[in-house]
PDB file of N, CA and C in Angstrom:
ATOM      1  N   MET A   1       1.795  -3.123  -8.924  1.00  0.00           N
ATOM      2  CA  MET A   1       1.637  -1.790  -8.387  1.00  0.00           C
ATOM      3  C   MET A   1       2.612  -0.860  -9.111  1.00  0.00           C
ATOM      4  N   THR A   2       2.127   0.292  -9.496  1.00  0.00           N
ATOM      5  CA  THR A   2       2.973   1.298 -10.119  1.00  0.00           C
ATOM      6  C   THR A   2       3.348   2.328  -9.064  1.00  0.00           C
ATOM      7  N   LEU A   3       4.638   2.554  -8.935  1.00  0.00           N
ATOM      8  CA  LEU A   3       5.128   3.508  -7.944  1.00  0.00           C
ATOM      9  C   LEU A   3       5.269   4.892  -8.559  1.00  0.00           C
ATOM     10  N   PRO A   4       5.154   5.931  -7.741  1.00  0.00           N
ATOM     11  CA  PRO A   4       5.392   7.285  -8.242  1.00  0.00           C
ATOM     12  C   PRO A   4       6.831   7.423  -8.757  1.00  0.00           C
ATOM     13  N   LYS A   5       7.007   8.174  -9.815  1.00  0.00           N
ATOM     14  CA  LYS A   5       8.336   8.351 -10.397  1.00  0.00           C
ATOM     15  C   LYS A   5       9.137   9.441  -9.680  1.00  0.00           C
ATOM     16  N   ASP A   6       8.461  10.438  -9.175  1.00  0.00           N
ATOM     17  CA  ASP A   6       9.123  11.519  -8.460  1.00  0.00           C
ATOM     18  C   ASP A   6       9.624  10.992  -7.116  1.00  0.00           C
ATOM     19  N   PRO A   7      10.911  11.151  -6.809  1.00  0.00           N
ATOM     20  CA  PRO A   7      11.455  10.588  -5.559  1.00  0.00           C
ATOM     21  C   PRO A   7      10.800  11.127  -4.282  1.00  0.00           C
ATOM     22  N   VAL A   8      10.417  12.387  -4.276  1.00  0.00           N
ATOM     23  CA  VAL A   8       9.806  12.959  -3.066  1.00  0.00           C
ATOM     24  C   VAL A   8       8.410  12.371  -2.847  1.00  0.00           C
ATOM     25  N   ILE A   9       7.675  12.205  -3.912  1.00  0.00           N
ATOM     26  CA  ILE A   9       6.355  11.595  -3.803  1.00  0.00           C
ATOM     27  C   ILE A   9       6.495  10.113  -3.462  1.00  0.00           C
ATOM     28  N   LEU A  10       7.489   9.469  -4.042  1.00  0.00           N
ATOM     29  CA  LEU A  10       7.771   8.069  -3.718  1.00  0.00           C
ATOM     30  C   LEU A  10       8.076   7.918  -2.229  1.00  0.00           C
ATOM     31  N   LEU A  11       8.861   8.805  -1.694  1.00  0.00           N
ATOM     32  CA  LEU A  11       9.196   8.785  -0.267  1.00  0.00           C
ATOM     33  C   LEU A  11       7.935   8.821   0.584  1.00  0.00           C
ATOM     34  N   SER A  12       7.069   9.756   0.300  1.00  0.00           N
ATOM     35  CA  SER A  12       5.826   9.885   1.058  1.00  0.00           C
ATOM     36  C   SER A  12       4.960   8.639   0.902  1.00  0.00           C
ATOM     37  N   PHE A  13       4.840   8.153  -0.304  1.00  0.00           N
ATOM     38  CA  PHE A  13       4.031   6.976  -0.593  1.00  0.00           C
ATOM     39  C   PHE A  13       4.536   5.752   0.163  1.00  0.00           C
ATOM     40  N   VAL A  14       5.826   5.477   0.044  1.00  0.00           N
ATOM     41  CA  VAL A  14       6.401   4.277   0.671  1.00  0.00           C
ATOM     42  C   VAL A  14       6.337   4.389   2.194  1.00  0.00           C
ATOM     43  N   ASN A  15       6.683   5.528   2.746  1.00  0.00           N
ATOM     44  CA  ASN A  15       6.632   5.669   4.211  1.00  0.00           C
ATOM     45  C   ASN A  15       5.209   5.520   4.746  1.00  0.00           C
ATOM     46  N   THR A  16       4.235   6.000   3.997  1.00  0.00           N
ATOM     47  CA  THR A  16       2.845   5.834   4.415  1.00  0.00           C
ATOM     48  C   THR A  16       2.452   4.365   4.412  1.00  0.00           C
ATOM     49  N   LYS A  17       2.821   3.656   3.346  1.00  0.00           N
ATOM     50  CA  LYS A  17       2.516   2.219   3.269  1.00  0.00           C
ATOM     51  C   LYS A  17       3.207   1.455   4.396  1.00  0.00           C
ATOM     52  N   LEU A  18       4.464   1.799   4.662  1.00  0.00           N
ATOM     53  CA  LEU A  18       5.196   1.126   5.734  1.00  0.00           C
ATOM     54  C   LEU A  18       4.549   1.389   7.089  1.00  0.00           C
ATOM     55  N   ARG A  19       4.156   2.611   7.305  1.00  0.00           N
ATOM     56  CA  ARG A  19       3.542   2.972   8.592  1.00  0.00           C
ATOM     57  C   ARG A  19       2.191   2.291   8.779  1.00  0.00           C
ATOM     58  N   ASP A  20       1.379   2.271   7.721  1.00  0.00           N
ATOM     59  CA  ASP A  20      -0.008   1.825   7.866  1.00  0.00           C
ATOM     60  C   ASP A  20      -0.253   0.341   7.580  1.00  0.00           C
ATOM     61  N   PHE A  21       0.609  -0.277   6.754  1.00  0.00           N
ATOM     62  CA  PHE A  21       0.269  -1.608   6.287  1.00  0.00           C
ATOM     63  C   PHE A  21       1.357  -2.674   6.387  1.00  0.00           C
ATOM     64  N   ASN A  22       2.620  -2.284   6.460  1.00  0.00           N
ATOM     65  CA  ASN A  22       3.688  -3.281   6.378  1.00  0.00           C
ATOM     66  C   ASN A  22       4.665  -3.170   7.538  1.00  0.00           C
ATOM     67  N   SER A  23       5.154  -4.327   7.955  1.00  0.00           N
ATOM     68  CA  SER A  23       6.072  -4.367   9.093  1.00  0.00           C
ATOM     69  C   SER A  23       7.529  -4.159   8.689  1.00  0.00           C
ATOM     70  N   SER A  24       7.804  -4.187   7.381  1.00  0.00           N
ATOM     71  CA  SER A  24       9.174  -3.972   6.905  1.00  0.00           C
ATOM     72  C   SER A  24       9.147  -3.617   5.426  1.00  0.00           C
ATOM     73  N   LEU A  25      10.252  -3.093   4.945  1.00  0.00           N
ATOM     74  CA  LEU A  25      10.383  -2.798   3.519  1.00  0.00           C
ATOM     75  C   LEU A  25      10.340  -4.091   2.719  1.00  0.00           C
ATOM     76  N   ASP A  26      10.966  -5.112   3.239  1.00  0.00           N
ATOM     77  CA  ASP A  26      10.957  -6.410   2.564  1.00  0.00           C
ATOM     78  C   ASP A  26       9.518  -6.920   2.403  1.00  0.00           C
ATOM     79  N   ASP A  27       8.753  -6.824   3.449  1.00  0.00           N
ATOM     80  CA  ASP A  27       7.348  -7.237   3.419  1.00  0.00           C
ATOM     81  C   ASP A  27       6.565  -6.432   2.374  1.00  0.00           C
ATOM     82  N   PHE A  28       6.747  -5.137   2.371  1.00  0.00           N
ATOM     83  CA  PHE A  28       6.079  -4.266   1.404  1.00  0.00           C
ATOM     84  C   PHE A  28       6.430  -4.663  -0.027  1.00  0.00           C
ATOM     85  N   CYS A  29       7.701  -4.891  -0.289  1.00  0.00           N
ATOM     86  CA  CYS A  29       8.148  -5.234  -1.644  1.00  0.00           C
ATOM     87  C   CYS A  29       7.631  -6.606  -2.080  1.00  0.00           C
ATOM     88  N   LYS A  30       7.674  -7.572  -1.196  1.00  0.00           N
ATOM     89  CA  LYS A  30       7.164  -8.902  -1.534  1.00  0.00           C
ATOM     90  C   LYS A  30       5.664  -8.870  -1.790  1.00  0.00           C
ATOM     91  N   GLU A  31       4.953  -8.176  -0.961  1.00  0.00           N
ATOM     92  CA  GLU A  31       3.505  -8.094  -1.096  1.00  0.00           C
ATOM     93  C   GLU A  31       3.083  -7.443  -2.421  1.00  0.00           C
ATOM     94  N   ASN A  32       3.893  -6.503  -2.887  1.00  0.00           N
ATOM     95  CA  ASN A  32       3.543  -5.747  -4.091  1.00  0.00           C
ATOM     96  C   ASN A  32       4.399  -6.092  -5.302  1.00  0.00           C
ATOM     97  N   ASN A  33       5.199  -7.147  -5.168  1.00  0.00           N
ATOM     98  CA  ASN A  33       6.071  -7.595  -6.261  1.00  0.00           C
ATOM     99  C   ASN A  33       6.965  -6.464  -6.776  1.00  0.00           C
ATOM    100  N   LEU A  34       7.683  -5.823  -5.852  1.00  0.00           N
ATOM    101  CA  LEU A  34       8.556  -4.700  -6.179  1.00  0.00           C
ATOM    102  C   LEU A  34      10.005  -5.049  -5.866  1.00  0.00           C
ATOM    103  N   ASN A  35      10.906  -4.330  -6.506  1.00  0.00           N
ATOM    104  CA  ASN A  35      12.326  -4.524  -6.291  1.00  0.00           C
ATOM    105  C   ASN A  35      12.796  -3.576  -5.186  1.00  0.00           C
ATOM    106  N   GLU A  36      13.197  -4.135  -4.078  1.00  0.00           N
ATOM    107  CA  GLU A  36      13.631  -3.343  -2.919  1.00  0.00           C
ATOM    108  C   GLU A  36      14.829  -2.460  -3.249  1.00  0.00           C
ATOM    109  N   ASP A  37      15.788  -3.000  -3.975  1.00  0.00           N
ATOM    110  CA  ASP A  37      16.994  -2.230  -4.305  1.00  0.00           C
ATOM    111  C   ASP A  37      16.686  -1.012  -5.172  1.00  0.00           C
ATOM    112  N   GLU A  38      15.735  -1.141  -6.077  1.00  0.00           N
ATOM    113  CA  GLU A  38      15.362  -0.004  -6.930  1.00  0.00           C
ATOM    114  C   GLU A  38      14.758   1.122  -6.100  1.00  0.00           C
ATOM    115  N   ILE A  39      13.935   0.767  -5.143  1.00  0.00           N
ATOM    116  CA  ILE A  39      13.340   1.783  -4.270  1.00  0.00           C
ATOM    117  C   ILE A  39      14.432   2.461  -3.448  1.00  0.00           C
ATOM    118  N   LYS A  40      15.303   1.680  -2.874  1.00  0.00           N
ATOM    119  CA  LYS A  40      16.397   2.242  -2.072  1.00  0.00           C
ATOM    120  C   LYS A  40      17.273   3.169  -2.903  1.00  0.00           C
ATOM    121  N   GLN A  41      17.622   2.754  -4.111  1.00  0.00           N
ATOM    122  CA  GLN A  41      18.471   3.580  -4.978  1.00  0.00           C
ATOM    123  C   GLN A  41      17.793   4.897  -5.326  1.00  0.00           C
ATOM    124  N   LYS A  42      16.530   4.833  -5.655  1.00  0.00           N
ATOM    125  CA  LYS A  42      15.814   6.052  -6.022  1.00  0.00           C
ATOM    126  C   LYS A  42      15.750   7.026  -4.848  1.00  0.00           C
ATOM    127  N   LEU A  43      15.524   6.507  -3.643  1.00  0.00           N
ATOM    128  CA  LEU A  43      15.419   7.390  -2.484  1.00  0.00           C
ATOM    129  C   LEU A  43      16.789   7.842  -1.982  1.00  0.00           C
ATOM    130  N   GLU A  44      17.813   7.090  -2.264  1.00  0.00           N
ATOM    131  CA  GLU A  44      19.167   7.541  -1.935  1.00  0.00           C
ATOM    132  C   GLU A  44      19.544   8.768  -2.759  1.00  0.00           C
ATOM    133  N   MET A  45      18.929   8.924  -3.922  1.00  0.00           N
ATOM    134  CA  MET A  45      19.190  10.097  -4.766  1.00  0.00           C
ATOM    135  C   MET A  45      18.794  11.391  -4.054  1.00  0.00           C
ATOM    136  N   ILE A  46      17.843  11.307  -3.137  1.00  0.00           N
ATOM    137  CA  ILE A  46      17.447  12.490  -2.371  1.00  0.00           C
ATOM    138  C   ILE A  46      17.894  12.368  -0.909  1.00  0.00           C
ATOM    139  N   ASP A  47      18.886  11.519  -0.701  1.00  0.00           N
ATOM    140  CA  ASP A  47      19.548  11.360   0.592  1.00  0.00           C
ATOM    141  C   ASP A  47      18.656  10.777   1.692  1.00  0.00           C
ATOM    142  N   TYR A  48      17.817   9.819   1.318  1.00  0.00           N
ATOM    143  CA  TYR A  48      17.002   9.086   2.282  1.00  0.00           C
ATOM    144  C   TYR A  48      17.416   7.624   2.266  1.00  0.00           C
ATOM    145  N   HIS A  49      17.464   7.034   3.459  1.00  0.00           N
ATOM    146  CA  HIS A  49      17.903   5.651   3.606  1.00  0.00           C
ATOM    147  C   HIS A  49      16.933   4.932   4.532  1.00  0.00           C
ATOM    148  N   TYR A  50      16.745   3.667   4.259  1.00  0.00           N
ATOM    149  CA  TYR A  50      15.801   2.887   5.054  1.00  0.00           C
ATOM    150  C   TYR A  50      16.376   2.583   6.433  1.00  0.00           C
ATOM    151  N   ASP A  51      15.598   2.878   7.451  1.00  0.00           N
ATOM    152  CA  ASP A  51      15.947   2.578   8.835  1.00  0.00           C
ATOM    153  C   ASP A  51      15.053   1.427   9.294  1.00  0.00           C
ATOM    154  N   GLU A  52      15.638   0.253   9.466  1.00  0.00           N
ATOM    155  CA  GLU A  52      14.866  -0.937   9.842  1.00  0.00           C
ATOM    156  C   GLU A  52      14.186  -0.769  11.209  1.00  0.00           C
ATOM    157  N   TYR A  53      14.876  -0.142  12.116  1.00  0.00           N
ATOM    158  CA  TYR A  53      14.342   0.021  13.468  1.00  0.00           C
ATOM    159  C   TYR A  53      13.073   0.889  13.447  1.00  0.00           C
ATOM    160  N   LYS A  54      13.111   1.969  12.682  1.00  0.00           N
ATOM    161  CA  LYS A  54      11.959   2.872  12.583  1.00  0.00           C
ATOM    162  C   LYS A  54      10.961   2.443  11.516  1.00  0.00           C
ATOM    163  N   ASN A  55      11.377   1.524  10.660  1.00  0.00           N
ATOM    164  CA  ASN A  55      10.566   1.044   9.544  1.00  0.00           C
ATOM    165  C   ASN A  55      10.099   2.201   8.661  1.00  0.00           C
ATOM    166  N   LYS A  56      11.056   3.039   8.289  1.00  0.00           N
ATOM    167  CA  LYS A  56      10.754   4.130   7.360  1.00  0.00           C
ATOM    168  C   LYS A  56      12.053   4.665   6.782  1.00  0.00           C
ATOM    169  N   PHE A  57      11.896   5.440   5.734  1.00  0.00           N
ATOM    170  CA  PHE A  57      13.046   6.102   5.134  1.00  0.00           C
ATOM    171  C   PHE A  57      13.261   7.430   5.854  1.00  0.00           C
ATOM    172  N   VAL A  58      14.481   7.641   6.273  1.00  0.00           N
ATOM    173  CA  VAL A  58      14.816   8.863   7.020  1.00  0.00           C
ATOM    174  C   VAL A  58      16.038   9.526   6.395  1.00  0.00           C
TER     175      VAL A  58
END
């Protein structure tokens, strides 16, 4: 899977996938063969962090 390069679009994309299809970020990354840390780092650049309880970046 190719992720959007723009962090704001990535945020929307990942949160939508988490809401509609995956129970956790770990699940999403494993299912799509993605690096969880890379996603977190990219979204931290725009001050978003993964909230496990809400299962989304906030």
